[in-house]
Amino acid sequence: MTESKKQKPINNYAKYSGLATQLLVLLLISAWIGKKLDARWGEDNKYFTAFLMVTVLVAYFYKLFKELESERK
């Protein structure tokens, strides 16, 4: 019984560090795609980059909220 108590914090650490890694990768990909779109359409302002990054953040936090809500039940 003590082994399961010791493994639970490790599993939580792995789970949440994986979430942070996913978010970082998604933001890097959206920034790269946004830069490509801005370069293609010759935008001096980085509207595509900003829009994609904010959209990814909102979508990711919505997904995270739904996952945590379902775990609580």
N, C-alpha and C. Protein backbone atom coordinates (compact mmCIF):
# COMPACT_ATOMS: atom_id res chain seq x y z
N MET A 1 0.81 -1.19 0.00
CA MET A 1 0.00 0.00 0.00
C MET A 1 0.86 1.26 0.00
N THR A 2 1.99 1.23 0.63
CA THR A 2 2.85 2.42 0.64
C THR A 2 3.48 2.66 -0.73
N GLU A 3 3.64 1.61 -1.53
CA GLU A 3 4.22 1.79 -2.85
C GLU A 3 3.30 2.61 -3.75
N SER A 4 1.99 2.37 -3.67
CA SER A 4 1.07 3.12 -4.52
C SER A 4 1.03 4.59 -4.12
N LYS A 5 1.19 4.87 -2.84
CA LYS A 5 1.22 6.26 -2.40
C LYS A 5 2.48 6.96 -2.90
N LYS A 6 3.58 6.24 -2.98
CA LYS A 6 4.82 6.84 -3.46
C LYS A 6 4.77 7.06 -4.97
N GLN A 7 4.10 6.19 -5.71
CA GLN A 7 4.06 6.32 -7.16
C GLN A 7 3.09 7.38 -7.63
N LYS A 8 2.08 7.68 -6.86
CA LYS A 8 1.09 8.65 -7.31
C LYS A 8 1.70 10.03 -7.57
N PRO A 9 2.53 10.61 -6.68
CA PRO A 9 3.13 11.90 -7.02
C PRO A 9 4.02 11.85 -8.26
N ILE A 10 4.68 10.74 -8.47
CA ILE A 10 5.52 10.61 -9.66
C ILE A 10 4.64 10.60 -10.90
N ASN A 11 3.52 9.88 -10.86
CA ASN A 11 2.61 9.85 -12.00
C ASN A 11 2.03 11.23 -12.26
N ASN A 12 1.67 11.96 -11.21
CA ASN A 12 1.16 13.32 -11.40
C ASN A 12 2.22 14.23 -11.99
N TYR A 13 3.44 14.09 -11.54
CA TYR A 13 4.54 14.89 -12.08
C TYR A 13 4.71 14.61 -13.57
N ALA A 14 4.72 13.34 -13.94
CA ALA A 14 4.88 12.97 -15.34
C ALA A 14 3.72 13.48 -16.18
N LYS A 15 2.53 13.38 -15.64
CA LYS A 15 1.34 13.82 -16.36
C LYS A 15 1.38 15.33 -16.63
N TYR A 16 1.68 16.11 -15.61
CA TYR A 16 1.64 17.55 -15.77
C TYR A 16 2.86 18.10 -16.50
N SER A 17 3.98 17.42 -16.41
CA SER A 17 5.12 17.87 -17.22
C SER A 17 4.86 17.55 -18.70
N GLY A 18 4.13 16.48 -18.95
CA GLY A 18 3.74 16.17 -20.33
C GLY A 18 2.79 17.22 -20.87
N LEU A 19 1.89 17.72 -20.05
CA LEU A 19 0.97 18.78 -20.47
C LEU A 19 1.74 20.05 -20.82
N ALA A 20 2.73 20.38 -20.02
CA ALA A 20 3.53 21.57 -20.29
C ALA A 20 4.31 21.43 -21.59
N THR A 21 4.81 20.23 -21.84
CA THR A 21 5.54 19.98 -23.07
C THR A 21 4.62 20.09 -24.28
N GLN A 22 3.42 19.54 -24.16
CA GLN A 22 2.44 19.65 -25.24
C GLN A 22 2.13 21.11 -25.55
N LEU A 23 1.91 21.90 -24.52
CA LEU A 23 1.60 23.31 -24.72
C LEU A 23 2.75 24.04 -25.40
N LEU A 24 3.96 23.77 -24.97
CA LEU A 24 5.12 24.42 -25.57
C LEU A 24 5.25 24.06 -27.05
N VAL A 25 5.09 22.79 -27.36
CA VAL A 25 5.21 22.35 -28.76
C VAL A 25 4.11 22.97 -29.61
N LEU A 26 2.88 23.00 -29.10
CA LEU A 26 1.78 23.60 -29.85
C LEU A 26 2.02 25.09 -30.10
N LEU A 27 2.54 25.79 -29.09
CA LEU A 27 2.82 27.22 -29.28
C LEU A 27 3.94 27.45 -30.28
N LEU A 28 4.96 26.62 -30.24
CA LEU A 28 6.05 26.76 -31.21
C LEU A 28 5.57 26.49 -32.64
N ILE A 29 4.74 25.47 -32.80
CA ILE A 29 4.21 25.15 -34.13
C ILE A 29 3.31 26.27 -34.62
N SER A 30 2.45 26.79 -33.75
CA SER A 30 1.56 27.88 -34.18
C SER A 30 2.34 29.14 -34.51
N ALA A 31 3.41 29.42 -33.77
CA ALA A 31 4.25 30.58 -34.08
C ALA A 31 4.94 30.41 -35.42
N TRP A 32 5.42 29.21 -35.69
CA TRP A 32 6.10 28.94 -36.96
C TRP A 32 5.14 29.09 -38.13
N ILE A 33 3.94 28.51 -38.00
CA ILE A 33 2.94 28.61 -39.06
C ILE A 33 2.50 30.07 -39.23
N GLY A 34 2.32 30.78 -38.13
CA GLY A 34 1.94 32.18 -38.20
C GLY A 34 2.99 33.03 -38.90
N LYS A 35 4.25 32.77 -38.63
CA LYS A 35 5.32 33.51 -39.31
C LYS A 35 5.31 33.23 -40.81
N LYS A 36 5.08 31.98 -41.17
CA LYS A 36 5.02 31.63 -42.59
C LYS A 36 3.85 32.33 -43.27
N LEU A 37 2.69 32.36 -42.61
CA LEU A 37 1.53 33.04 -43.19
C LEU A 37 1.76 34.55 -43.29
N ASP A 38 2.36 35.14 -42.27
CA ASP A 38 2.66 36.57 -42.31
C ASP A 38 3.63 36.87 -43.45
N ALA A 39 4.62 36.03 -43.65
CA ALA A 39 5.60 36.25 -44.71
C ALA A 39 4.95 36.08 -46.09
N ARG A 40 4.06 35.13 -46.19
CA ARG A 40 3.42 34.87 -47.49
C ARG A 40 2.54 36.03 -47.93
N TRP A 41 1.79 36.59 -47.01
CA TRP A 41 0.89 37.68 -47.35
C TRP A 41 1.50 39.05 -47.08
N GLY A 42 2.77 39.10 -46.71
CA GLY A 42 3.49 40.35 -46.58
C GLY A 42 2.98 41.27 -45.48
N GLU A 43 2.51 40.70 -44.42
CA GLU A 43 2.03 41.51 -43.31
C GLU A 43 3.22 42.02 -42.48
N ASP A 44 3.28 43.33 -42.30
CA ASP A 44 4.32 43.89 -41.45
C ASP A 44 4.01 43.60 -39.98
N ASN A 45 2.74 43.67 -39.64
CA ASN A 45 2.30 43.30 -38.30
C ASN A 45 2.08 41.79 -38.25
N LYS A 46 2.33 41.22 -37.16
CA LYS A 46 2.26 39.77 -37.02
C LYS A 46 0.87 39.32 -36.57
N TYR A 47 -0.14 39.64 -37.37
CA TYR A 47 -1.52 39.31 -37.01
C TYR A 47 -1.77 37.81 -37.02
N PHE A 48 -1.30 37.12 -38.04
CA PHE A 48 -1.52 35.68 -38.11
C PHE A 48 -0.85 34.95 -36.95
N THR A 49 0.36 35.36 -36.65
CA THR A 49 1.10 34.72 -35.56
C THR A 49 0.36 34.92 -34.24
N ALA A 50 -0.03 36.13 -33.96
CA ALA A 50 -0.73 36.42 -32.70
C ALA A 50 -2.06 35.69 -32.64
N PHE A 51 -2.82 35.71 -33.74
CA PHE A 51 -4.12 35.05 -33.76
C PHE A 51 -3.99 33.54 -33.54
N LEU A 52 -3.04 32.92 -34.22
CA LEU A 52 -2.86 31.47 -34.06
C LEU A 52 -2.41 31.11 -32.64
N MET A 53 -1.51 31.87 -32.08
CA MET A 53 -1.03 31.55 -30.74
C MET A 53 -2.13 31.73 -29.69
N VAL A 54 -2.91 32.78 -29.80
CA VAL A 54 -4.01 32.98 -28.85
C VAL A 54 -5.07 31.89 -29.03
N THR A 55 -5.36 31.53 -30.27
CA THR A 55 -6.34 30.47 -30.53
C THR A 55 -5.88 29.15 -29.95
N VAL A 56 -4.62 28.83 -30.11
CA VAL A 56 -4.07 27.58 -29.56
C VAL A 56 -4.14 27.61 -28.03
N LEU A 57 -3.81 28.73 -27.42
CA LEU A 57 -3.88 28.83 -25.95
C LEU A 57 -5.31 28.62 -25.44
N VAL A 58 -6.26 29.29 -26.07
CA VAL A 58 -7.65 29.16 -25.64
C VAL A 58 -8.14 27.73 -25.82
N ALA A 59 -7.84 27.13 -26.96
CA ALA A 59 -8.28 25.76 -27.22
C ALA A 59 -7.62 24.77 -26.26
N TYR A 60 -6.34 24.97 -25.97
CA TYR A 60 -5.64 24.06 -25.08
C TYR A 60 -6.16 24.16 -23.65
N PHE A 61 -6.39 25.38 -23.18
CA PHE A 61 -6.92 25.53 -21.82
C PHE A 61 -8.35 25.01 -21.71
N TYR A 62 -9.12 25.13 -22.77
CA TYR A 62 -10.46 24.55 -22.78
C TYR A 62 -10.36 23.02 -22.66
N LYS A 63 -9.47 22.43 -23.45
CA LYS A 63 -9.26 20.97 -23.41
C LYS A 63 -8.78 20.54 -22.01
N LEU A 64 -7.87 21.28 -21.44
CA LEU A 64 -7.35 20.97 -20.11
C LEU A 64 -8.45 21.08 -19.05
N PHE A 65 -9.28 22.10 -19.15
CA PHE A 65 -10.38 22.28 -18.22
C PHE A 65 -11.34 21.09 -18.30
N LYS A 66 -11.67 20.66 -19.52
CA LYS A 66 -12.58 19.53 -19.69
C LYS A 66 -11.97 18.24 -19.13
N GLU A 67 -10.68 18.02 -19.35
CA GLU A 67 -10.01 16.83 -18.82
C GLU A 67 -10.02 16.82 -17.30
N LEU A 68 -9.68 17.93 -16.70
CA LEU A 68 -9.63 18.00 -15.23
C LEU A 68 -11.03 17.88 -14.64
N GLU A 69 -12.01 18.42 -15.32
CA GLU A 69 -13.38 18.31 -14.85
C GLU A 69 -13.87 16.86 -14.89
N SER A 70 -13.50 16.14 -15.94
CA SER A 70 -13.92 14.73 -16.03
C SER A 70 -13.18 13.85 -15.02
N GLU A 71 -11.96 14.20 -14.67
CA GLU A 71 -11.21 13.43 -13.66
C GLU A 71 -11.80 13.63 -12.28
N ARG A 72 -12.34 14.79 -12.03
CA ARG A 72 -12.89 15.10 -10.72
C ARG A 72 -14.16 14.29 -10.44
N LYS A 73 -14.87 13.95 -11.49
CA LYS A 73 -16.13 13.21 -11.33
C LYS A 73 -15.92 11.76 -11.04
